[in-house]
């Protein structure tokens, strides 16, 4: 396993000014602001939930140490789990705000993670660099999801895996809607998050194919067209059930959107 530690002995950071189009700048601005509150979502984290995530990742990726790229890493939740499982992890994202939070968490935990600010639809890595690519809650934010998936597969070695975790974020039904409103009020009162910044601006929404989340069938279509084989879909209701247990009654349905994991193997023609 490589050592990407910098002079502080903890983790390595690489950053630079990214050239982004108007849509990506809008998405970046949204998540830069949201980075201040992302890890405050009630029911997000906890010992039991962390154990389940690590079990799922270990079962899907395998237990032997691997060189893994975590795209759209955000505040580093999955990157941290992968490091704890013994893998070498490079975490990339184009939101400086999210990456700043991830770096701070890595320093506090002494996690050896390589952080790089990067457009995950246009990765600055050679072909077949990594054993595995993981992507949690990021595909739905992509302007060109088909291109993103092809990029992720491009940098994976033949026989390596791509793991995409995503969900559909539209709230349906009266009870979930009431709970969702309570959730935004809760975060405003407790953390000062603007309750009207829960969605992309209209001009950004119309530029994204999946502005409110993505269906598992759509993700399967993306990855199958891009060349993944042995595609499997895992429902992650178990995670939602664990999260719900930690919530007060008035928030129990605010985090009830369906989430899933799509996993496949990169098969490439020589």
Protein backbone atom coordinates (compact mmCIF):
# COMPACT_ATOMS: atom_id res chain seq x y z
CA UNK A 1 0.00 0.00 0.00
CA UNK A 2 1.32 3.41 -0.93
CA UNK A 3 2.09 6.21 1.47
CA UNK A 4 0.43 9.43 0.33
CA UNK A 5 1.18 11.29 3.56
CA UNK A 6 2.25 14.88 3.34
CA UNK A 7 4.57 16.78 5.65
CA UNK A 8 1.97 16.72 8.43
CA UNK A 9 2.15 12.93 8.43
CA UNK A 10 -1.57 12.45 7.89
CA UNK A 11 -2.87 12.88 4.37
CA UNK A 12 -2.02 14.34 1.00
CA UNK A 13 -3.97 17.08 -0.75
CA UNK A 14 -3.75 18.08 -4.39
CA UNK A 15 -5.83 20.95 -5.71
CA UNK A 16 -5.99 23.43 -8.54
CA UNK A 17 -8.42 25.72 -10.32
CA UNK A 18 -10.86 23.62 -12.32
CA UNK A 19 -12.40 24.78 -15.57
CA UNK A 20 -16.13 24.05 -15.23
CA UNK A 21 -19.10 24.92 -17.42
CA UNK A 22 -22.07 26.92 -16.12
CA UNK A 23 -24.02 23.87 -14.97
CA UNK A 24 -21.09 22.35 -13.09
CA UNK A 25 -20.30 25.72 -11.50
CA UNK A 26 -23.90 25.84 -10.27
CA UNK A 27 -23.68 22.31 -8.88
CA UNK A 28 -20.33 23.11 -7.25
CA UNK A 29 -21.70 26.27 -5.65
CA UNK A 30 -24.66 24.31 -4.24
CA UNK A 31 -22.41 21.69 -2.63
CA UNK A 32 -19.81 24.20 -1.43
CA UNK A 33 -22.58 25.80 0.64
CA UNK A 34 -24.10 22.45 1.60
CA UNK A 35 -20.74 21.15 2.82
CA UNK A 36 -21.23 23.09 6.05
CA UNK A 37 -24.29 21.00 6.87
CA UNK A 38 -23.92 17.71 4.98
CA UNK A 39 -22.71 15.66 7.94
CA UNK A 40 -25.41 17.10 10.23
CA UNK A 41 -28.22 15.13 8.56
CA UNK A 42 -29.99 13.27 11.38
CA UNK A 43 -29.66 9.51 11.14
CA UNK A 44 -26.54 9.83 8.99
CA UNK A 45 -23.74 7.82 10.55
CA UNK A 46 -23.51 6.06 13.89
CA UNK A 47 -21.76 2.86 14.89
CA UNK A 48 -24.40 0.43 13.61
CA UNK A 49 -24.79 2.19 10.26
CA UNK A 50 -21.00 2.40 9.79
CA UNK A 51 -20.66 -1.33 10.44
CA UNK A 52 -23.30 -2.15 7.84
CA UNK A 53 -21.67 0.11 5.24
CA UNK A 54 -18.31 -1.57 5.81
CA UNK A 55 -19.87 -5.03 5.61
CA UNK A 56 -21.54 -4.16 2.31
CA UNK A 57 -18.38 -2.65 0.84
CA UNK A 58 -16.20 -5.54 1.98
CA UNK A 59 -18.61 -8.10 0.55
CA UNK A 60 -18.85 -6.25 -2.76
CA UNK A 61 -15.21 -5.23 -3.25
CA UNK A 62 -13.47 -8.07 -1.42
CA UNK A 63 -11.29 -8.04 1.67
CA UNK A 64 -7.84 -8.00 0.04
CA UNK A 65 -6.18 -4.53 -0.03
CA UNK A 66 -6.93 -2.60 -3.20
CA UNK A 67 -6.10 0.71 -4.86
CA UNK A 68 -9.50 2.46 -4.92
CA UNK A 69 -10.75 5.71 -6.43
CA UNK A 70 -13.73 7.28 -4.64
CA UNK A 71 -15.35 9.73 -7.09
CA UNK A 72 -17.57 12.55 -5.87
CA UNK A 73 -16.24 11.74 -2.43
CA UNK A 74 -17.91 14.71 -0.75
CA UNK A 75 -17.16 14.76 2.95
CA UNK A 76 -15.28 11.48 2.61
CA UNK A 77 -17.77 9.09 4.20
CA UNK A 78 -17.11 6.15 1.88
CA UNK A 79 -13.40 7.00 1.53
CA UNK A 80 -13.06 6.77 5.31
CA UNK A 81 -14.82 3.40 5.44
CA UNK A 82 -12.59 2.04 2.67
CA UNK A 83 -9.46 3.20 4.48
CA UNK A 84 -10.64 1.53 7.68
CA UNK A 85 -11.05 -1.67 5.65
CA UNK A 86 -7.37 -1.50 4.69
CA UNK A 87 -7.55 -0.13 1.15
CA UNK A 88 -5.44 2.62 -0.44
CA UNK A 89 -7.86 5.41 -1.31
CA UNK A 90 -7.79 8.40 -3.63
CA UNK A 91 -10.77 10.71 -3.07
CA UNK A 92 -11.80 13.21 -5.77
CA UNK A 93 -14.49 15.89 -5.92
CA UNK A 94 -14.92 19.30 -7.54
CA UNK A 95 -16.46 20.92 -4.46
CA UNK A 96 -13.69 22.56 -2.45
CA UNK A 97 -16.08 22.98 0.47
CA UNK A 98 -16.89 19.27 0.65
CA UNK A 99 -13.24 18.30 0.28
CA UNK A 100 -12.20 20.72 3.03
CA UNK A 101 -14.57 18.91 5.40
CA UNK A 102 -13.23 15.53 4.27
CA UNK A 103 -9.61 16.61 4.79
CA UNK A 104 -10.37 17.83 8.30
CA UNK A 105 -12.06 14.54 9.19
CA UNK A 106 -9.13 12.58 7.76
CA UNK A 107 -6.64 14.62 9.81
CA UNK A 108 -8.65 14.09 12.98
CA UNK A 109 -8.80 10.32 12.42
CA UNK A 110 -5.29 9.99 11.04
CA UNK A 111 -6.72 8.48 7.85
CA UNK A 112 -4.22 8.08 5.01
CA UNK A 113 -6.27 9.35 2.06
CA UNK A 114 -5.10 11.13 -1.07
CA UNK A 115 -7.44 14.07 -1.80
CA UNK A 116 -7.66 15.67 -5.25
CA UNK A 117 -10.03 18.32 -6.60
CA UNK A 118 -11.20 17.03 -9.94
CA UNK A 119 -14.09 16.96 -12.40
CA UNK A 120 -15.24 13.34 -12.12
CA UNK A 121 -16.61 13.39 -15.68
CA UNK A 122 -13.06 14.08 -16.89
CA UNK A 123 -10.57 12.30 -14.66
CA UNK A 124 -6.86 13.12 -14.75
CA UNK A 125 -5.71 9.51 -14.46
CA UNK A 126 -4.23 7.07 -16.94
CA UNK A 127 -6.28 4.14 -18.21
CA UNK A 128 -6.51 1.12 -15.89
CA UNK A 129 -5.02 2.86 -12.84
CA UNK A 130 -7.30 1.55 -10.09
CA UNK A 131 -8.61 -1.79 -8.88
CA UNK A 132 -11.99 -0.32 -8.07
CA UNK A 133 -14.06 2.89 -8.36
CA UNK A 134 -16.75 3.80 -5.85
CA UNK A 135 -19.35 6.55 -6.27
CA UNK A 136 -21.87 7.39 -3.54
CA UNK A 137 -24.75 9.80 -4.22
CA UNK A 138 -22.93 11.49 -7.09
CA UNK A 139 -24.20 10.08 -10.41
CA UNK A 140 -27.48 12.00 -10.14
CA UNK A 141 -25.52 15.29 -9.99
CA UNK A 142 -23.75 14.64 -13.30
CA UNK A 143 -24.46 16.73 -16.42
CA UNK A 144 -23.43 13.76 -18.56
CA UNK A 145 -23.91 10.58 -16.49
CA UNK A 146 -23.15 8.27 -19.43
CA UNK A 147 -19.79 10.01 -19.94
CA UNK A 148 -19.08 9.87 -16.19
CA UNK A 149 -19.66 6.12 -16.03
CA UNK A 150 -17.42 5.53 -19.05
CA UNK A 151 -14.67 7.59 -17.38
CA UNK A 152 -14.94 5.57 -14.19
CA UNK A 153 -14.70 2.32 -16.12
CA UNK A 154 -11.77 3.68 -18.16
CA UNK A 155 -9.57 4.09 -15.10
CA UNK A 156 -10.38 0.63 -13.70
CA UNK A 157 -8.18 -2.33 -14.49
CA UNK A 158 -9.70 -5.28 -16.40
CA UNK A 159 -11.55 -7.42 -13.89
CA UNK A 160 -11.82 -4.49 -11.48
CA UNK A 161 -15.12 -3.34 -10.07
CA UNK A 162 -17.27 -0.22 -10.21
CA UNK A 163 -19.64 0.37 -7.29
CA UNK A 164 -22.35 3.02 -7.64
CA UNK A 165 -24.56 3.93 -4.69
CA UNK A 166 -27.44 6.28 -5.43
CA UNK A 167 -31.13 6.94 -4.88
CA UNK A 168 -34.30 8.78 -5.82
CA UNK A 169 -34.82 11.94 -3.78
CA UNK A 170 -38.41 12.91 -4.63
CA UNK A 171 -40.66 13.00 -1.56
CA UNK A 172 -44.05 11.32 -2.09
CA UNK A 173 -46.99 11.14 0.30
CA UNK A 174 -48.29 13.49 3.00
CA UNK A 175 -46.37 12.02 5.96
CA UNK A 176 -42.95 12.05 4.24
CA UNK A 177 -43.66 15.59 3.01
CA UNK A 178 -44.49 16.82 6.53
CA UNK A 179 -41.40 15.06 7.89
CA UNK A 180 -39.26 16.59 5.15
CA UNK A 181 -40.50 20.10 5.99
CA UNK A 182 -39.73 19.40 9.66
CA UNK A 183 -36.25 18.27 8.63
CA UNK A 184 -35.48 21.57 6.89
CA UNK A 185 -36.87 23.55 9.84
CA UNK A 186 -34.78 21.42 12.21
CA UNK A 187 -31.55 22.12 10.32
CA UNK A 188 -32.32 25.83 10.12
CA UNK A 189 -32.93 26.09 13.88
CA UNK A 190 -30.06 23.84 14.95
CA UNK A 191 -27.40 24.63 12.33
CA UNK A 192 -28.55 27.75 10.48
CA UNK A 193 -28.97 26.10 7.08
CA UNK A 194 -31.15 28.12 4.72
CA UNK A 195 -34.34 26.00 4.33
CA UNK A 196 -34.82 27.27 0.76
CA UNK A 197 -31.53 25.83 -0.50
CA UNK A 198 -32.71 22.20 -0.55
CA UNK A 199 -32.72 22.03 -4.34
CA UNK A 200 -30.67 23.22 -7.30
CA UNK A 201 -31.69 26.49 -8.90
CA UNK A 202 -34.15 26.12 -11.78
CA UNK A 203 -31.59 26.84 -14.51
CA UNK A 204 -29.33 24.11 -13.10
CA UNK A 205 -32.18 21.61 -12.70
CA UNK A 206 -33.14 21.82 -16.37
CA UNK A 207 -29.54 21.12 -17.39
CA UNK A 208 -29.29 17.85 -15.42
CA UNK A 209 -30.77 14.55 -16.66
CA UNK A 210 -31.48 13.37 -13.09
CA UNK A 211 -31.91 16.48 -10.89
CA UNK A 212 -34.00 14.67 -8.26
CA UNK A 213 -32.12 11.42 -8.05
CA UNK A 214 -31.81 8.42 -10.34
CA UNK A 215 -33.68 5.11 -10.58
CA UNK A 216 -31.75 1.87 -10.23
CA UNK A 217 -32.98 0.80 -13.68
CA UNK A 218 -31.41 3.91 -15.17
CA UNK A 219 -28.08 3.25 -13.46
CA UNK A 220 -28.09 -0.34 -14.71
CA UNK A 221 -28.69 1.00 -18.24
CA UNK A 222 -25.79 3.45 -17.92
CA UNK A 223 -23.30 0.84 -16.71
CA UNK A 224 -24.39 -1.92 -19.10
CA UNK A 225 -24.04 0.39 -22.10
CA UNK A 226 -20.62 1.46 -20.81
CA UNK A 227 -19.41 -2.14 -20.74
CA UNK A 228 -19.76 -3.44 -17.18
CA UNK A 229 -20.47 -7.14 -16.82
CA UNK A 230 -21.92 -9.28 -14.02
CA UNK A 231 -24.09 -6.36 -12.92
CA UNK A 232 -25.82 -6.78 -9.57
CA UNK A 233 -28.27 -4.52 -7.73
CA UNK A 234 -28.55 -4.40 -3.94
CA UNK A 235 -31.42 -2.64 -2.21
CA UNK A 236 -30.15 -0.57 0.75
CA UNK A 237 -33.40 -0.34 2.71
CA UNK A 238 -31.45 -1.86 5.57
CA UNK A 239 -29.40 1.33 5.81
CA UNK A 240 -32.52 3.50 5.82
CA UNK A 241 -34.08 1.37 8.56
CA UNK A 242 -31.00 1.80 10.73
CA UNK A 243 -30.97 5.56 10.13
CA UNK A 244 -34.66 5.84 10.97
CA UNK A 245 -34.11 4.20 14.35
CA UNK A 246 -31.87 7.09 15.36
CA UNK A 247 -34.37 9.81 14.43
CA UNK A 248 -36.94 11.61 16.60
CA UNK A 249 -40.56 10.87 15.64
CA UNK A 250 -41.01 14.11 13.72
CA UNK A 251 -38.11 13.27 11.36
CA UNK A 252 -38.57 9.54 10.86
CA UNK A 253 -39.75 9.80 7.27
CA UNK A 254 -37.57 12.71 6.15
CA UNK A 255 -34.75 10.35 5.19
CA UNK A 256 -36.94 7.66 3.62
CA UNK A 257 -35.91 7.92 -0.04
CA UNK A 258 -35.05 4.60 -1.73
CA UNK A 259 -31.31 3.96 -2.05
CA UNK A 260 -29.48 1.13 -3.79
CA UNK A 261 -26.07 -0.13 -4.90
CA UNK A 262 -25.22 -1.16 -8.46
CA UNK A 263 -22.03 -3.19 -8.85
CA UNK A 264 -20.31 -4.56 -11.94
CA UNK A 265 -17.02 -5.83 -13.31
CA UNK A 266 -14.95 -4.03 -15.97
CA UNK A 267 -14.37 -6.30 -18.95
CA UNK A 268 -12.14 -4.78 -21.62
CA UNK A 269 -11.09 -5.91 -25.05
CA UNK A 270 -7.35 -6.10 -25.56
